[in-house]
Protein backbone atom coordinates (compact mmCIF):
# COMPACT_ATOMS: atom_id res chain seq x y z
CA MET A 1 69.00 -171.63 5.84
CA PHE A 2 65.70 -172.81 4.39
CA GLY A 3 67.57 -174.18 1.37
CA ASP A 4 68.14 -177.38 3.35
CA LEU A 5 64.70 -177.40 4.95
CA SER A 6 63.45 -180.42 3.01
CA SER A 7 66.31 -182.58 4.28
CA VAL A 8 65.79 -181.27 7.82
CA ILE A 9 62.09 -182.19 7.70
CA LEU A 10 62.83 -185.65 6.27
CA GLY A 11 65.25 -186.36 9.09
CA LEU A 12 62.75 -185.13 11.65
CA LYS A 13 59.99 -187.35 10.27
CA ARG A 14 62.28 -190.39 10.56
CA ARG A 15 63.28 -189.40 14.08
CA PHE A 16 59.69 -189.08 15.31
CA SER A 17 58.24 -192.05 13.40
CA GLY A 18 59.15 -194.61 16.09
CA PRO A 19 57.71 -195.16 19.58
CA GLU A 20 56.96 -191.96 21.45
CA LEU A 21 59.49 -191.01 24.10
CA ASP A 22 58.41 -190.29 27.65
CA ALA A 23 57.22 -186.67 27.71
CA GLY A 24 59.27 -186.18 30.87
CA ASN A 25 62.54 -186.72 28.98
CA TYR A 26 63.96 -183.45 27.74
CA ARG A 27 64.74 -183.41 24.04
CA VAL A 28 65.11 -180.90 21.20
CA PHE A 29 63.04 -181.02 18.04
CA THR A 30 65.84 -179.55 15.91
CA THR A 31 69.02 -177.51 16.35
CA ALA A 32 69.21 -176.66 12.63
CA PHE A 33 68.16 -173.05 13.19
CA ASP A 34 70.02 -172.27 16.43
CA GLU A 35 72.65 -169.52 16.27
CA VAL A 36 75.49 -167.98 18.25
CA LEU A 37 76.12 -164.27 17.73
CA GLY A 38 79.48 -162.63 18.31
CA LYS A 39 80.73 -159.06 18.11
CA ASP A 40 80.70 -158.91 14.31
CA ASP A 41 77.17 -160.32 14.16
CA LEU A 42 75.95 -157.75 16.66
CA SER A 43 77.61 -154.97 14.68
CA ALA A 44 75.77 -156.15 11.57
CA LEU A 45 72.47 -156.22 13.47
CA ASN A 46 73.19 -152.75 14.72
CA LYS A 47 73.65 -151.44 11.18
CA ALA A 48 70.46 -153.15 10.01
CA MET A 49 68.19 -151.40 12.52
CA SER A 50 65.14 -149.60 11.20
CA SER A 51 64.62 -145.92 12.00
CA ASP A 52 62.12 -146.80 14.74
CA GLN A 53 64.51 -149.33 16.25
CA LYS A 54 67.36 -146.81 16.18
CA ARG A 55 65.21 -144.21 17.93
CA SER A 56 64.12 -146.71 20.58
CA PHE A 57 67.71 -147.87 21.12
CA GLN A 58 68.98 -144.30 21.43
CA GLU A 59 66.28 -143.49 23.97
CA ALA A 60 67.19 -146.61 25.95
CA ASN A 61 70.87 -145.62 25.99
CA GLN A 62 70.00 -142.11 27.15
CA ARG A 63 67.87 -143.50 29.98
CA PHE A 64 70.65 -145.92 30.91
CA ASP A 65 73.15 -143.05 31.14
CA THR A 66 70.90 -140.87 33.31
CA LEU A 67 69.12 -143.35 35.58
CA PHE A 68 70.55 -145.15 38.62
CA MET A 69 72.94 -142.32 39.50
CA ALA A 70 72.87 -143.08 43.22
CA GLU A 71 73.10 -146.81 42.50
CA ARG A 72 76.20 -146.30 40.35
CA VAL A 73 78.00 -144.73 43.30
CA GLU A 74 76.90 -147.51 45.63
CA ILE A 75 77.88 -150.23 43.15
CA GLY A 76 81.29 -148.62 42.69
CA ALA A 77 81.88 -148.53 46.44
CA ALA A 78 80.67 -152.11 46.91
CA GLY A 79 82.83 -153.23 43.99
CA ALA A 80 85.92 -151.60 45.49
CA ALA A 81 85.22 -153.38 48.78
CA LEU A 82 84.86 -156.68 46.92
CA VAL A 83 88.23 -156.14 45.25
CA ARG A 84 89.89 -155.64 48.63
CA GLU A 85 88.20 -158.73 50.08
CA LEU A 86 89.14 -160.90 47.12
CA ARG A 87 92.76 -159.80 47.29
CA GLN A 88 92.85 -160.55 51.01
CA GLY A 89 90.81 -163.74 50.97
CA LEU A 90 92.21 -165.45 47.85
CA THR A 91 95.78 -165.91 46.73
CA GLU A 92 96.85 -164.43 43.43
CA GLU A 93 97.04 -167.94 41.98
CA ASP A 94 93.49 -168.70 43.15
CA ARG A 95 92.22 -165.55 41.46
CA LEU A 96 94.09 -166.29 38.24
CA LYS A 97 92.63 -169.80 38.14
CA THR A 98 89.05 -168.52 38.61
CA VAL A 99 86.64 -167.54 35.84
CA VAL A 100 83.16 -166.04 36.27
CA SER A 101 80.74 -166.25 33.36
CA PHE A 102 77.79 -163.84 33.50
CA LEU A 103 74.81 -165.32 31.66
CA ILE A 104 72.09 -162.70 31.09
CA ASP A 105 68.49 -163.65 30.41
CA HIS A 106 67.22 -161.83 27.28
CA SER A 107 63.54 -162.72 27.64
CA GLY A 108 60.86 -160.21 26.75
CA SER A 109 59.98 -159.71 30.41
CA MET A 110 63.47 -158.27 30.96
CA ARG A 111 62.70 -155.22 28.82
CA GLY A 112 63.11 -151.73 30.21
CA LEU A 113 64.35 -151.14 33.74
CA ARG A 114 65.16 -154.78 34.43
CA MET A 115 67.59 -155.08 31.53
CA MET A 116 69.13 -151.71 32.30
CA ALA A 117 69.65 -152.85 35.88
CA ALA A 118 71.11 -156.16 34.70
CA VAL A 119 73.59 -154.45 32.35
CA LEU A 120 74.60 -151.93 35.03
CA ALA A 121 75.05 -154.73 37.58
CA VAL A 122 77.15 -156.87 35.24
CA GLU A 123 79.31 -153.92 34.20
CA GLY A 124 80.02 -153.08 37.83
CA ALA A 125 80.76 -156.70 38.71
CA VAL A 126 83.05 -157.17 35.71
CA ASP A 127 85.00 -154.02 36.60
CA ALA A 128 85.49 -155.24 40.17
CA LEU A 129 86.54 -158.76 39.21
CA THR A 130 88.91 -157.44 36.55
CA HIS A 131 90.65 -155.22 39.11
CA ALA A 132 90.92 -158.23 41.41
CA GLY A 133 92.56 -160.32 38.68
CA VAL A 134 89.59 -162.64 38.07
CA THR A 135 88.72 -163.53 34.48
CA THR A 136 85.16 -162.84 33.31
CA GLU A 137 82.96 -163.76 30.38
CA ILE A 138 79.69 -162.02 29.41
CA LEU A 139 76.98 -163.96 27.58
CA GLY A 140 73.30 -163.55 26.72
CA PHE A 141 70.57 -165.99 25.77
CA THR A 142 67.19 -165.72 24.06
CA THR A 143 65.42 -167.04 20.96
CA ALA A 144 65.78 -165.71 17.43
CA SER A 145 62.08 -164.80 17.24
CA TRP A 146 58.70 -165.26 18.85
CA ARG A 147 56.37 -168.23 18.38
CA GLY A 148 59.05 -170.83 17.69
CA GLY A 149 60.42 -169.39 14.46
CA LYS A 150 61.69 -171.77 11.79
CA SER A 151 61.73 -174.72 14.17
CA ARG A 152 57.98 -174.50 14.67
CA LYS A 153 57.40 -174.19 10.92
CA ALA A 154 59.51 -177.31 10.37
CA TRP A 155 57.48 -179.10 13.06
CA ARG A 156 54.25 -178.24 11.29
CA TRP A 157 55.56 -179.41 7.93
CA ALA A 158 56.80 -182.62 9.57
CA GLY A 159 53.23 -183.47 10.59
CA ARG A 160 53.15 -181.95 14.10
CA PRO A 161 54.54 -184.98 15.99
CA ARG A 162 53.47 -185.16 19.63
CA ASN A 163 55.71 -183.95 22.43
CA PRO A 164 58.48 -182.59 20.19
CA GLY A 165 60.53 -181.16 23.04
CA ARG A 166 62.16 -177.75 22.74
CA LEU A 167 60.50 -176.10 19.76
CA CYS A 168 62.18 -172.79 19.02
CA ASP A 169 65.33 -171.29 17.48
CA LEU A 170 67.93 -170.56 20.15
CA ARG A 171 70.00 -167.40 19.96
CA HIS A 172 73.06 -167.30 22.19
CA ILE A 173 75.14 -164.11 22.36
CA VAL A 174 78.83 -163.64 23.16
CA TYR A 175 79.37 -160.10 24.44
CA GLY A 176 82.79 -160.60 25.98
CA GLU A 177 84.93 -163.71 25.70
CA ALA A 178 86.99 -164.94 28.62
CA GLY A 179 90.57 -163.85 28.20
CA ARG A 180 89.70 -160.66 26.31
CA GLY A 181 91.84 -158.62 28.71
CA HIS A 182 90.56 -155.56 30.56
CA SER A 183 88.22 -154.26 27.88
CA ARG A 184 84.55 -153.69 28.73
CA PRO A 185 82.62 -154.77 25.62
CA TRP A 186 80.78 -151.78 24.17
CA HIS A 187 78.26 -154.04 22.49
CA LEU A 188 76.82 -155.17 25.84
CA ARG A 189 74.60 -152.12 25.37
CA MET A 190 72.93 -154.08 22.57
CA ALA A 191 71.03 -155.88 25.32
CA LEU A 192 69.00 -152.67 25.66
CA ARG A 193 67.48 -153.29 22.23
CA GLN A 194 63.94 -154.37 22.98
CA ASP A 195 63.54 -156.08 19.59
CA LEU A 196 66.28 -158.60 20.50
CA LEU A 197 64.49 -159.88 23.62
CA HIS A 198 62.21 -162.88 23.08
CA GLU A 199 61.94 -166.20 24.98
CA ASN A 200 64.33 -167.95 27.37
CA ILE A 201 65.56 -171.56 27.47
CA ASP A 202 67.73 -171.38 30.58
CA GLY A 203 68.86 -175.01 30.83
CA GLU A 204 70.47 -175.17 27.39
CA ALA A 205 71.97 -171.71 27.85
CA LEU A 206 73.56 -172.81 31.11
CA ALA A 207 75.02 -175.91 29.46
CA TRP A 208 76.34 -173.77 26.58
CA ALA A 209 78.00 -171.32 28.99
CA ALA A 210 79.60 -174.19 30.89
CA GLY A 211 80.94 -175.75 27.70
CA ARG A 212 82.86 -172.56 26.94
CA LEU A 213 84.94 -172.74 30.15
CA ASP A 214 88.09 -174.84 29.86
CA GLY A 215 88.65 -176.87 33.02
CA GLN A 216 92.34 -177.21 32.23
CA LYS A 217 92.73 -173.43 32.18
CA TRP A 218 90.54 -172.56 35.18
CA SER A 219 90.28 -174.76 38.24
CA ARG A 220 87.29 -172.80 39.51
CA ARG A 221 84.47 -172.16 37.05
CA VAL A 222 81.55 -170.01 38.15
CA ILE A 223 78.43 -169.29 36.09
CA CYS A 224 76.30 -166.42 37.34
CA LEU A 225 72.80 -166.49 35.88
CA VAL A 226 71.11 -163.05 35.82
CA SER A 227 67.41 -163.51 35.17
CA ASP A 228 63.92 -162.49 36.24
CA ARG A 229 62.02 -165.78 36.32
CA CYS A 230 61.86 -169.44 35.29
CA PRO A 231 62.45 -170.53 31.66
CA VAL A 232 59.48 -169.88 29.37
CA ASP A 233 58.88 -170.55 25.69
CA ASP A 234 55.25 -170.56 24.59
CA SER A 235 55.92 -172.53 21.40
CA THR A 236 57.54 -175.35 23.36
CA LEU A 237 55.05 -175.40 26.22
CA HIS A 238 51.98 -175.38 23.94
CA ALA A 239 53.28 -178.30 21.85
CA ASN A 240 54.19 -180.57 24.77
CA GLU A 241 51.97 -182.29 27.31
CA ASP A 242 54.60 -181.76 30.02
CA ARG A 243 54.43 -178.06 30.87
CA SER A 244 57.30 -178.29 33.34
CA LEU A 245 59.95 -179.72 31.02
CA LEU A 246 61.89 -176.45 30.67
CA ALA A 247 62.00 -175.69 34.40
CA ARG A 248 62.90 -179.28 35.23
CA HIS A 249 65.64 -179.34 32.60
CA LEU A 250 67.15 -176.21 34.16
CA GLU A 251 67.19 -177.89 37.58
CA GLU A 252 68.68 -181.09 36.13
CA THR A 253 71.34 -179.10 34.26
CA GLU A 254 72.29 -177.23 37.43
CA ARG A 255 72.69 -180.51 39.34
CA ARG A 256 74.73 -182.09 36.55
CA LEU A 257 77.07 -179.12 36.25
CA ALA A 258 77.52 -178.91 40.02
CA ALA A 259 78.52 -182.58 40.00
CA GLN A 260 81.08 -181.74 37.31
CA GLY A 261 82.70 -179.07 39.48
CA TYR A 262 80.97 -175.90 38.30
CA THR A 263 79.58 -173.34 40.73
CA ILE A 264 76.16 -171.98 39.73
CA ALA A 265 74.94 -168.70 41.25
CA THR A 266 71.67 -166.95 40.45
CA LEU A 267 70.56 -163.32 40.68
CA VAL A 268 66.81 -162.93 40.17
CA ILE A 269 65.57 -159.44 39.27
CA GLY A 270 61.91 -159.04 40.24
CA ASP A 271 59.52 -160.60 42.71
CA GLU A 272 58.19 -163.48 40.60
CA ALA A 273 58.38 -166.97 42.05
CA ALA A 274 61.61 -168.72 41.08
CA PRO A 275 63.44 -171.84 42.27
CA ARG A 276 65.94 -171.04 45.00
CA SER A 277 69.39 -172.54 45.21
CA ALA A 278 72.14 -172.28 47.79
CA LEU A 279 73.81 -169.42 45.91
CA PHE A 280 70.83 -167.17 45.28
CA GLU A 281 70.10 -163.46 45.59
CA ARG A 282 66.91 -161.60 44.74
CA ALA A 283 66.60 -157.95 43.74
CA ALA A 284 62.88 -157.30 44.18
CA GLU A 285 63.37 -153.85 42.60
CA PRO A 286 65.64 -153.31 39.56
CA GLU A 287 67.58 -150.63 41.43
CA ALA A 288 68.83 -153.28 43.85
CA ALA A 289 70.35 -155.54 41.19
CA GLY A 290 73.86 -154.09 41.26
CA LEU A 291 74.38 -154.45 44.99
CA GLY A 292 72.67 -157.83 44.91
CA LEU A 293 75.14 -159.10 42.33
CA ILE A 294 78.12 -157.86 44.36
CA ARG A 295 76.74 -159.66 47.44
CA LEU A 296 76.22 -162.80 45.40
CA LEU A 297 79.80 -162.72 44.14
CA ASN A 298 81.10 -162.18 47.67
CA ARG A 299 79.21 -165.27 48.90
CA THR A 300 80.19 -167.30 45.85
CA LEU A 301 83.88 -166.53 45.76
CA LEU A 302 84.65 -166.04 49.46
CA THR A 303 82.02 -167.52 51.78
CA THR A 304 81.99 -170.87 49.97
CA GLY A 305 85.76 -171.04 50.34
CA GLY A 306 86.28 -172.20 46.80
CA ALA A 307 84.34 -175.44 47.25
CA ASN A 308 81.99 -176.57 44.52
């Protein structure tokens, strides 16, 4: 991708040569190095693991299979109850016209028990919704590397313009597309790879997830954000005077999508401070994530009565 770097830098210099924009306005320095990974890309990454990465990944899978045994039973029971309630509370047509997109934060702070809990929670929720006839999608979001990656290098070579906006390489991941049928994507386990977890730009990830849901196909579009905190990217925050631009962009994106008819629900894993919304659940301990997600789905799909 660096073969076109000179043209990228030239365009960036022209873009930032005029009057400086208000630092409060969210913008992106460059999207040239952003990427979306699908099943084939994840398979290739899986094959390219080093011996240390393979050992770490195997250990993570073994822990995932042996931990949370009591929670698995509870999640299964809560999921079965949710299926019954959805079938009773929503018509078959309502369920067929509903899609729930699970958007999983892949930040470094989600490593270990938090990511295991997130994967277990999403698997349980997807199984329940599938049995209820509700379509699901499973996505992940992070950055391609630490410290801004190629975007930050391009910024340096472009003369380090002030307040560049988002300054990192986004990596969005498609684990399970909507409409894939009843299959549970095996490659969701890839989220347990610690070397894939970096920074998190929640606002752009939320907009990306929303853009994947066809309003003509589904009259009710729900995005369930599974995260542990507010958006953080050190490269972006250190290069901009406005240290709140990522958090504010997330809030602005949520408001914009809600106005467009989307329903945004958030499950926070951990006890860190995070903005609260109307559809919000917190799992202070990772073990509580699965039941918290089922409760959140119950409130989102039933208590709100389908209103956005």
